[in-house]
C-alpha atoms as a PDB file:
ATOM      1  CA  MET A   1      24.337  15.107  64.585  1.00  0.00           C
ATOM      2  CA  PRO A   2      27.729  13.652  63.875  1.00  0.00           C
ATOM      3  CA  ARG A   3      28.557  13.902  67.623  1.00  0.00           C
ATOM      4  CA  LYS A   4      25.445  12.199  68.635  1.00  0.00           C
ATOM      5  CA  LYS A   5      26.281   9.395  66.101  1.00  0.00           C
ATOM      6  CA  LYS A   6      29.846   9.081  67.495  1.00  0.00           C
ATOM      7  CA  ALA A   7      28.504   8.790  71.046  1.00  0.00           C
ATOM      8  CA  LYS A   8      26.129   6.124  70.020  1.00  0.00           C
ATOM      9  CA  LYS A   9      29.031   4.164  68.268  1.00  0.00           C
ATOM     10  CA  ALA A  10      31.171   4.521  71.448  1.00  0.00           C
ATOM     11  CA  LYS A  11      28.359   3.019  73.551  1.00  0.00           C
ATOM     12  CA  LYS A  12      27.840   0.217  71.130  1.00  0.00           C
ATOM     13  CA  LYS A  13      31.691  -0.503  71.343  1.00  0.00           C
ATOM     14  CA  ARG A  14      31.573  -0.787  75.127  1.00  0.00           C
ATOM     15  CA  LYS A  15      28.409  -3.142  75.156  1.00  0.00           C
ATOM     16  CA  VAL A  16      30.307  -5.344  72.610  1.00  0.00           C
ATOM     17  CA  ASN A  17      33.535  -5.368  74.620  1.00  0.00           C
ATOM     18  CA  LYS A  18      31.588  -6.141  77.898  1.00  0.00           C
ATOM     19  CA  LEU A  19      29.816  -9.019  76.101  1.00  0.00           C
ATOM     20  CA  ASN A  20      33.149 -10.263  74.866  1.00  0.00           C
ATOM     21  CA  THR A  21      34.946 -10.215  78.235  1.00  0.00           C
ATOM     22  CA  VAL A  22      32.051 -12.052  80.069  1.00  0.00           C
ATOM     23  CA  PRO A  23      32.258 -15.416  78.144  1.00  0.00           C
ATOM     24  CA  LYS A  24      36.178 -15.445  78.269  1.00  0.00           C
ATOM     25  CA  SER A  25      36.158 -15.339  81.962  1.00  0.00           C
ATOM     26  CA  THR A  26      33.524 -17.947  82.138  1.00  0.00           C
ATOM     27  CA  ASP A  27      35.540 -20.212  79.770  1.00  0.00           C
ATOM     28  CA  LYS A  28      38.540 -19.868  81.941  1.00  0.00           C
ATOM     29  CA  LYS A  29      36.498 -20.982  84.900  1.00  0.00           C
ATOM     30  CA  ASN A  30      35.122 -23.798  83.117  1.00  0.00           C
ATOM     31  CA  SER A  31      38.513 -24.970  81.999  1.00  0.00           C
ATOM     32  CA  LEU A  32      40.103 -24.959  85.418  1.00  0.00           C
ATOM     33  CA  PRO A  33      38.417 -28.057  86.886  1.00  0.00           C
ATOM     34  CA  GLY A  34      39.525 -30.130  83.761  1.00  0.00           C
ATOM     35  CA  ALA A  35      43.113 -28.666  84.241  1.00  0.00           C
ATOM     36  CA  ASP A  36      43.057 -29.622  87.910  1.00  0.00           C
ATOM     37  CA  GLU A  37      41.836 -33.187  87.221  1.00  0.00           C
ATOM     38  CA  LYS A  38      44.724 -34.188  84.811  1.00  0.00           C
ATOM     39  CA  PRO A  39      47.625 -34.055  86.940  1.00  0.00           C
ATOM     40  CA  GLU A  40      45.703 -35.981  89.666  1.00  0.00           C
ATOM     41  CA  ILE A  41      45.080 -38.847  87.136  1.00  0.00           C
ATOM     42  CA  LYS A  42      48.648 -38.939  86.254  1.00  0.00           C
ATOM     43  CA  LYS A  43      49.804 -39.005  90.043  1.00  0.00           C
ATOM     44  CA  ILE A  44      47.575 -42.148  90.561  1.00  0.00           C
ATOM     45  CA  LYS A  45      49.203 -43.782  87.483  1.00  0.00           C
ATOM     46  CA  LYS A  46      52.545 -43.296  88.727  1.00  0.00           C
ATOM     47  CA  GLN A  47      52.104 -44.567  92.343  1.00  0.00           C
ATOM     48  CA  PRO A  48      53.371 -48.067  92.038  1.00  0.00           C
ATOM     49  CA  THR A  49      57.019 -48.255  92.982  1.00  0.00           C
ATOM     50  CA  GLU A  50      59.705 -49.900  91.035  1.00  0.00           C
ATOM     51  CA  LYS A  51      60.339 -53.277  92.304  1.00  0.00           C
ATOM     52  CA  ARG A  52      63.282 -55.694  91.929  1.00  0.00           C
ATOM     53  CA  ILE A  53      62.447 -59.270  91.775  1.00  0.00           C
ATOM     54  CA  TYR A  54      64.300 -61.587  94.207  1.00  0.00           C
ATOM     55  CA  ASN A  55      64.003 -65.426  94.092  1.00  0.00           C
ATOM     56  CA  LEU A  56      63.606 -68.011  96.763  1.00  0.00           C
ATOM     57  CA  LYS A  57      66.984 -68.679  98.611  1.00  0.00           C
ATOM     58  CA  ASP A  58      68.635 -65.389  97.279  1.00  0.00           C
ATOM     59  CA  PHE A  59      70.863 -63.534  99.517  1.00  0.00           C
ATOM     60  CA  VAL A  60      69.867 -59.841 100.266  1.00  0.00           C
ATOM     61  CA  VAL A  61      71.048 -57.027 102.522  1.00  0.00           C
ATOM     62  CA  TYR A  62      68.795 -55.209 104.973  1.00  0.00           C
ATOM     63  CA  PRO A  63      70.811 -52.216 106.305  1.00  0.00           C
ATOM     64  CA  LYS A  64      69.857 -52.428 109.967  1.00  0.00           C
ATOM     65  CA  HIS A  65      70.332 -56.122 110.205  1.00  0.00           C
ATOM     66  CA  GLY A  66      72.920 -57.106 107.602  1.00  0.00           C
ATOM     67  CA  VAL A  67      72.806 -60.261 105.267  1.00  0.00           C
ATOM     68  CA  GLY A  68      69.664 -62.490 105.120  1.00  0.00           C
ATOM     69  CA  LYS A  69      68.240 -65.155 103.088  1.00  0.00           C
ATOM     70  CA  ILE A  70      64.739 -65.205 101.436  1.00  0.00           C
ATOM     71  CA  THR A  71      63.126 -68.272 102.848  1.00  0.00           C
ATOM     72  CA  ALA A  72      59.573 -67.744 101.332  1.00  0.00           C
ATOM     73  CA  ILE A  73      57.599 -65.503  98.931  1.00  0.00           C
ATOM     74  CA  GLU A  74      54.062 -65.238 100.480  1.00  0.00           C
ATOM     75  CA  LYS A  75      50.762 -63.557  99.965  1.00  0.00           C
ATOM     76  CA  ALA A  76      48.381 -62.032 102.602  1.00  0.00           C
ATOM     77  CA  LYS A  77      45.124 -60.141 102.395  1.00  0.00           C
ATOM     78  CA  VAL A  78      44.967 -56.945 104.281  1.00  0.00           C
ATOM     79  CA  GLY A  79      41.336 -55.573 104.019  1.00  0.00           C
ATOM     80  CA  ASP A  80      40.520 -55.745 100.200  1.00  0.00           C
ATOM     81  CA  ILE A  81      44.173 -55.456  99.147  1.00  0.00           C
ATOM     82  CA  ASP A  82      46.429 -58.408  98.299  1.00  0.00           C
ATOM     83  CA  ILE A  83      49.961 -57.944  99.537  1.00  0.00           C
ATOM     84  CA  GLN A  84      52.842 -59.906  98.378  1.00  0.00           C
ATOM     85  CA  PHE A  85      55.979 -60.123 100.602  1.00  0.00           C
ATOM     86  CA  TYR A  86      59.382 -61.810 101.344  1.00  0.00           C
ATOM     87  CA  LYS A  87      60.198 -63.784 104.447  1.00  0.00           C
ATOM     88  CA  ILE A  88      63.937 -63.163 105.137  1.00  0.00           C
ATOM     89  CA  LEU A  89      65.905 -65.051 107.604  1.00  0.00           C
ATOM     90  CA  VAL A  90      68.782 -63.204 109.137  1.00  0.00           C
ATOM     91  CA  GLU A  91      70.852 -65.991 110.792  1.00  0.00           C
ATOM     92  CA  LYS A  92      73.317 -64.103 112.660  1.00  0.00           C
ATOM     93  CA  GLU A  93      70.522 -62.341 114.599  1.00  0.00           C
ATOM     94  CA  LYS A  94      68.129 -65.321 114.539  1.00  0.00           C
ATOM     95  CA  LEU A  95      65.591 -62.918 113.121  1.00  0.00           C
ATOM     96  CA  THR A  96      62.823 -63.291 110.454  1.00  0.00           C
ATOM     97  CA  LEU A  97      61.786 -60.127 108.596  1.00  0.00           C
ATOM     98  CA  THR A  98      58.642 -59.529 106.601  1.00  0.00           C
ATOM     99  CA  VAL A  99      59.257 -57.105 103.705  1.00  0.00           C
ATOM    100  CA  PRO A 100      56.283 -56.300 101.386  1.00  0.00           C
ATOM    101  CA  ILE A 101      57.613 -56.491  97.674  1.00  0.00           C
ATOM    102  CA  ASN A 102      56.348 -52.893  97.118  1.00  0.00           C
ATOM    103  CA  GLN A 103      58.245 -51.535 100.149  1.00  0.00           C
ATOM    104  CA  GLN A 104      61.656 -53.079  99.288  1.00  0.00           C
ATOM    105  CA  SER A 105      63.514 -49.855  98.555  1.00  0.00           C
ATOM    106  CA  LYS A 106      65.850 -50.661 101.691  1.00  0.00           C
ATOM    107  CA  LEU A 107      66.777 -54.101 100.386  1.00  0.00           C
ATOM    108  CA  ARG A 108      69.831 -54.389  98.041  1.00  0.00           C
ATOM    109  CA  PRO A 109      71.348 -57.477  96.439  1.00  0.00           C
ATOM    110  CA  ILE A 110      74.564 -58.912  98.012  1.00  0.00           C
ATOM    111  CA  ALA A 111      77.929 -57.418  96.618  1.00  0.00           C
ATOM    112  CA  SER A 112      79.617 -58.709  93.417  1.00  0.00           C
ATOM    113  CA  ILE A 113      83.077 -60.300  93.417  1.00  0.00           C
ATOM    114  CA  ASN A 114      84.486 -56.914  92.280  1.00  0.00           C
ATOM    115  CA  GLN A 115      82.924 -55.032  95.318  1.00  0.00           C
ATOM    116  CA  ILE A 116      84.330 -57.700  97.586  1.00  0.00           C
ATOM    117  CA  ASN A 117      87.775 -57.206  96.057  1.00  0.00           C
ATOM    118  CA  LYS A 118      87.434 -53.363  96.509  1.00  0.00           C
ATOM    119  CA  CYS A 119      86.544 -53.960 100.262  1.00  0.00           C
ATOM    120  CA  VAL A 120      89.715 -56.111 100.603  1.00  0.00           C
ATOM    121  CA  SER A 121      91.592 -53.115  99.134  1.00  0.00           C
ATOM    122  CA  ILE A 122      89.981 -50.892 101.687  1.00  0.00           C
ATOM    123  CA  LEU A 123      90.867 -53.119 104.617  1.00  0.00           C
ATOM    124  CA  LYS A 124      94.620 -52.897 103.504  1.00  0.00           C
ATOM    125  CA  THR A 125      94.708 -49.153 103.801  1.00  0.00           C
ATOM    126  CA  LYS A 126      95.739 -47.127 106.832  1.00  0.00           C
ATOM    127  CA  PRO A 127      93.046 -46.313 109.305  1.00  0.00           C
ATOM    128  CA  LYS A 128      91.863 -42.765 109.482  1.00  0.00           C
ATOM    129  CA  ILE A 129      92.527 -41.222 112.983  1.00  0.00           C
ATOM    130  CA  LYS A 130      89.994 -38.417 113.832  1.00  0.00           C
ATOM    131  CA  ARG A 131      90.558 -36.212 116.632  1.00  0.00           C
ATOM    132  CA  THR A 132      87.011 -35.445 117.480  1.00  0.00           C
ATOM    133  CA  MET A 133      85.077 -36.604 120.389  1.00  0.00           C
ATOM    134  CA  TRP A 134      84.570 -40.438 120.693  1.00  0.00           C
ATOM    135  CA  SER A 135      80.748 -39.969 121.211  1.00  0.00           C
ATOM    136  CA  ARG A 136      80.463 -38.108 117.838  1.00  0.00           C
ATOM    137  CA  ARG A 137      82.757 -40.708 116.064  1.00  0.00           C
ATOM    138  CA  ALA A 138      80.772 -43.696 117.551  1.00  0.00           C
ATOM    139  CA  GLN A 139      77.539 -42.202 116.163  1.00  0.00           C
ATOM    140  CA  GLU A 140      79.170 -41.740 112.742  1.00  0.00           C
ATOM    141  CA  TYR A 141      80.500 -45.277 112.805  1.00  0.00           C
ATOM    142  CA  ASP A 142      77.054 -46.686 113.717  1.00  0.00           C
ATOM    143  CA  GLN A 143      75.435 -44.663 110.868  1.00  0.00           C
ATOM    144  CA  LYS A 144      77.773 -46.119 108.436  1.00  0.00           C
ATOM    145  CA  ILE A 145      77.163 -49.814 109.757  1.00  0.00           C
ATOM    146  CA  ASN A 146      73.375 -49.421 109.393  1.00  0.00           C
ATOM    147  CA  SER A 147      73.635 -47.687 106.023  1.00  0.00           C
ATOM    148  CA  GLY A 148      73.679 -50.833 104.148  1.00  0.00           C
ATOM    149  CA  LYS A 149      76.610 -49.705 102.016  1.00  0.00           C
ATOM    150  CA  ILE A 150      79.352 -52.389 101.850  1.00  0.00           C
ATOM    151  CA  TYR A 151      82.294 -49.877 101.290  1.00  0.00           C
ATOM    152  CA  GLU A 152      81.181 -47.857 104.401  1.00  0.00           C
ATOM    153  CA  LEU A 153      81.136 -51.037 106.425  1.00  0.00           C
ATOM    154  CA  ALA A 154      84.740 -51.865 105.365  1.00  0.00           C
ATOM    155  CA  GLU A 155      85.806 -48.520 106.340  1.00  0.00           C
ATOM    156  CA  VAL A 156      84.586 -48.746 109.854  1.00  0.00           C
ATOM    157  CA  VAL A 157      86.224 -52.267 110.146  1.00  0.00           C
ATOM    158  CA  LYS A 158      89.466 -50.659 108.955  1.00  0.00           C
ATOM    159  CA  ASP A 159      89.261 -47.559 111.121  1.00  0.00           C
ATOM    160  CA  LEU A 160      88.394 -49.527 114.284  1.00  0.00           C
ATOM    161  CA  ASN A 161      91.003 -52.361 113.731  1.00  0.00           C
ATOM    162  CA  LYS A 162      93.750 -52.369 116.272  1.00  0.00           C
ATOM    163  CA  ASN A 163      95.672 -55.327 114.675  1.00  0.00           C
ATOM    164  CA  THR A 164      95.074 -57.464 117.647  1.00  0.00           C
ATOM    165  CA  ASP A 165      92.618 -59.419 119.513  1.00  0.00           C
ATOM    166  CA  ILE A 166      93.900 -58.085 122.991  1.00  0.00           C
ATOM    167  CA  ILE A 167      90.785 -56.691 124.719  1.00  0.00           C
ATOM    168  CA  ALA A 168      92.903 -54.011 126.622  1.00  0.00           C
ATOM    169  CA  ASP A 169      93.919 -52.356 123.255  1.00  0.00           C
ATOM    170  CA  GLN A 170      90.326 -51.304 122.661  1.00  0.00           C
ATOM    171  CA  SER A 171      87.457 -49.541 124.802  1.00  0.00           C
ATOM    172  CA  TYR A 172      84.379 -51.575 125.387  1.00  0.00           C
ATOM    173  CA  SER A 173      82.255 -49.354 122.858  1.00  0.00           C
ATOM    174  CA  GLU A 174      84.954 -49.431 120.254  1.00  0.00           C
ATOM    175  CA  ARG A 175      85.322 -53.232 120.429  1.00  0.00           C
ATOM    176  CA  GLN A 176      81.521 -53.485 120.112  1.00  0.00           C
ATOM    177  CA  LEU A 177      81.276 -51.282 117.194  1.00  0.00           C
ATOM    178  CA  PHE A 178      84.270 -53.182 115.623  1.00  0.00           C
ATOM    179  CA  GLU A 179      82.638 -56.615 116.087  1.00  0.00           C
ATOM    180  CA  LYS A 180      79.355 -55.578 114.853  1.00  0.00           C
ATOM    181  CA  ALA A 181      80.985 -54.107 111.602  1.00  0.00           C
ATOM    182  CA  TYR A 182      83.318 -56.981 111.242  1.00  0.00           C
ATOM    183  CA  GLU A 183      80.639 -59.592 111.529  1.00  0.00           C
ATOM    184  CA  ARG A 184      78.386 -57.850 109.030  1.00  0.00           C
ATOM    185  CA  LEU A 185      81.099 -57.669 106.582  1.00  0.00           C
ATOM    186  CA  LYS A 186      82.096 -61.278 107.132  1.00  0.00           C
ATOM    187  CA  SER A 187      78.678 -62.521 106.531  1.00  0.00           C
ATOM    188  CA  GLU A 188      78.648 -60.805 103.217  1.00  0.00           C
ATOM    189  CA  PHE A 189      81.992 -62.258 102.275  1.00  0.00           C
ATOM    190  CA  GLU A 190      80.626 -65.593 103.063  1.00  0.00           C
ATOM    191  CA  ALA A 191      77.523 -65.176 100.920  1.00  0.00           C
ATOM    192  CA  VAL A 192      79.458 -63.962  98.070  1.00  0.00           C
ATOM    193  CA  LEU A 193      82.602 -66.108  98.023  1.00  0.00           C
ATOM    194  CA  LYS A 194      80.538 -69.101  99.210  1.00  0.00           C
ATOM    195  CA  THR A 195      83.391 -70.384 101.527  1.00  0.00           C
ATOM    196  CA  SER A 196      83.721 -71.208 105.241  1.00  0.00           C
ATOM    197  CA  PRO A 197      83.534 -68.645 107.982  1.00  0.00           C
ATOM    198  CA  ASP A 198      87.068 -69.695 108.883  1.00  0.00           C
ATOM    199  CA  GLU A 199      88.468 -68.979 105.357  1.00  0.00           C
ATOM    200  CA  VAL A 200      86.646 -65.721 105.114  1.00  0.00           C
ATOM    201  CA  GLN A 201      88.106 -64.716 108.568  1.00  0.00           C
ATOM    202  CA  LYS A 202      91.616 -65.523 107.402  1.00  0.00           C
ATOM    203  CA  LYS A 203      91.063 -63.374 104.322  1.00  0.00           C
ATOM    204  CA  MET A 204      89.859 -60.405 106.213  1.00  0.00           C
ATOM    205  CA  ASP A 205      92.344 -60.822 109.062  1.00  0.00           C
ATOM    206  CA  LYS A 206      95.280 -61.041 106.416  1.00  0.00           C
ATOM    207  CA  ALA A 207      93.976 -57.778 104.705  1.00  0.00           C
ATOM    208  CA  LEU A 208      93.808 -56.064 108.194  1.00  0.00           C
ATOM    209  CA  GLY A 209      97.169 -57.324 109.253  1.00  0.00           C
ATOM    210  CA  ARG A 210      95.870 -58.616 112.503  1.00  0.00           C
ATOM    211  CA  VAL A 211      98.289 -60.575 114.845  1.00  0.00           C
ATOM    212  CA  ASN A 212      96.507 -63.957 115.090  1.00  0.00           C
ATOM    213  CA  ILE A 213      96.678 -64.446 111.202  1.00  0.00           C
ATOM    214  CA  SER A 214     100.254 -65.508 111.404  1.00  0.00           C
ATOM    215  CA  GLU A 215      99.515 -67.936 114.275  1.00  0.00           C
ATOM    216  CA  SER A 216      96.416 -69.694 112.395  1.00  0.00           C
ATOM    217  CA  GLU A 217      98.477 -70.143 109.120  1.00  0.00           C
ATOM    218  CA  ALA A 218     101.267 -71.722 111.131  1.00  0.00           C
END
């Protein structure tokens, strides 16, 4: 008799354990959809990008094209969505860019006076002469020019400067890259310092130690 009672108790325990385990698994299954939904809601809330507010007539820098001026802030409707965007005139290239305000991560404000002074200091330093193939160096210079970073732009001008305007002293591709970097940097100097192109050129050429600076001041 005692053995039969023990066997019955063991069976009851097994049944109770089975009953307890089933609801737990179903509870987990029921909680899964709710757990999955919460992160999705959070992601949707975080979608809007941080945006800097620029005003009409502000100067900005677009890496691939250089300094531009905001000529208009307009709205357009694409489907059911209202989009606000900047119209940016890049005068040097006679180009007008349309940049949506929510997609302006590449835009940056023009440099500060302190950054311009740092650029002048960079121009005064000795050029770095690399012994790698010109094709590789040209690619690196081009990437720096289009990076939109003013210090990298100043480094390209400094490294490709030959202290002279004599064409024979530079290869065609070297001169092209130098002029592209020089003009980009010069246009930002003009926008920040608010002086004439001639004055900016004198300032840059003096820092670079170019031959024609002594003639222009005479």
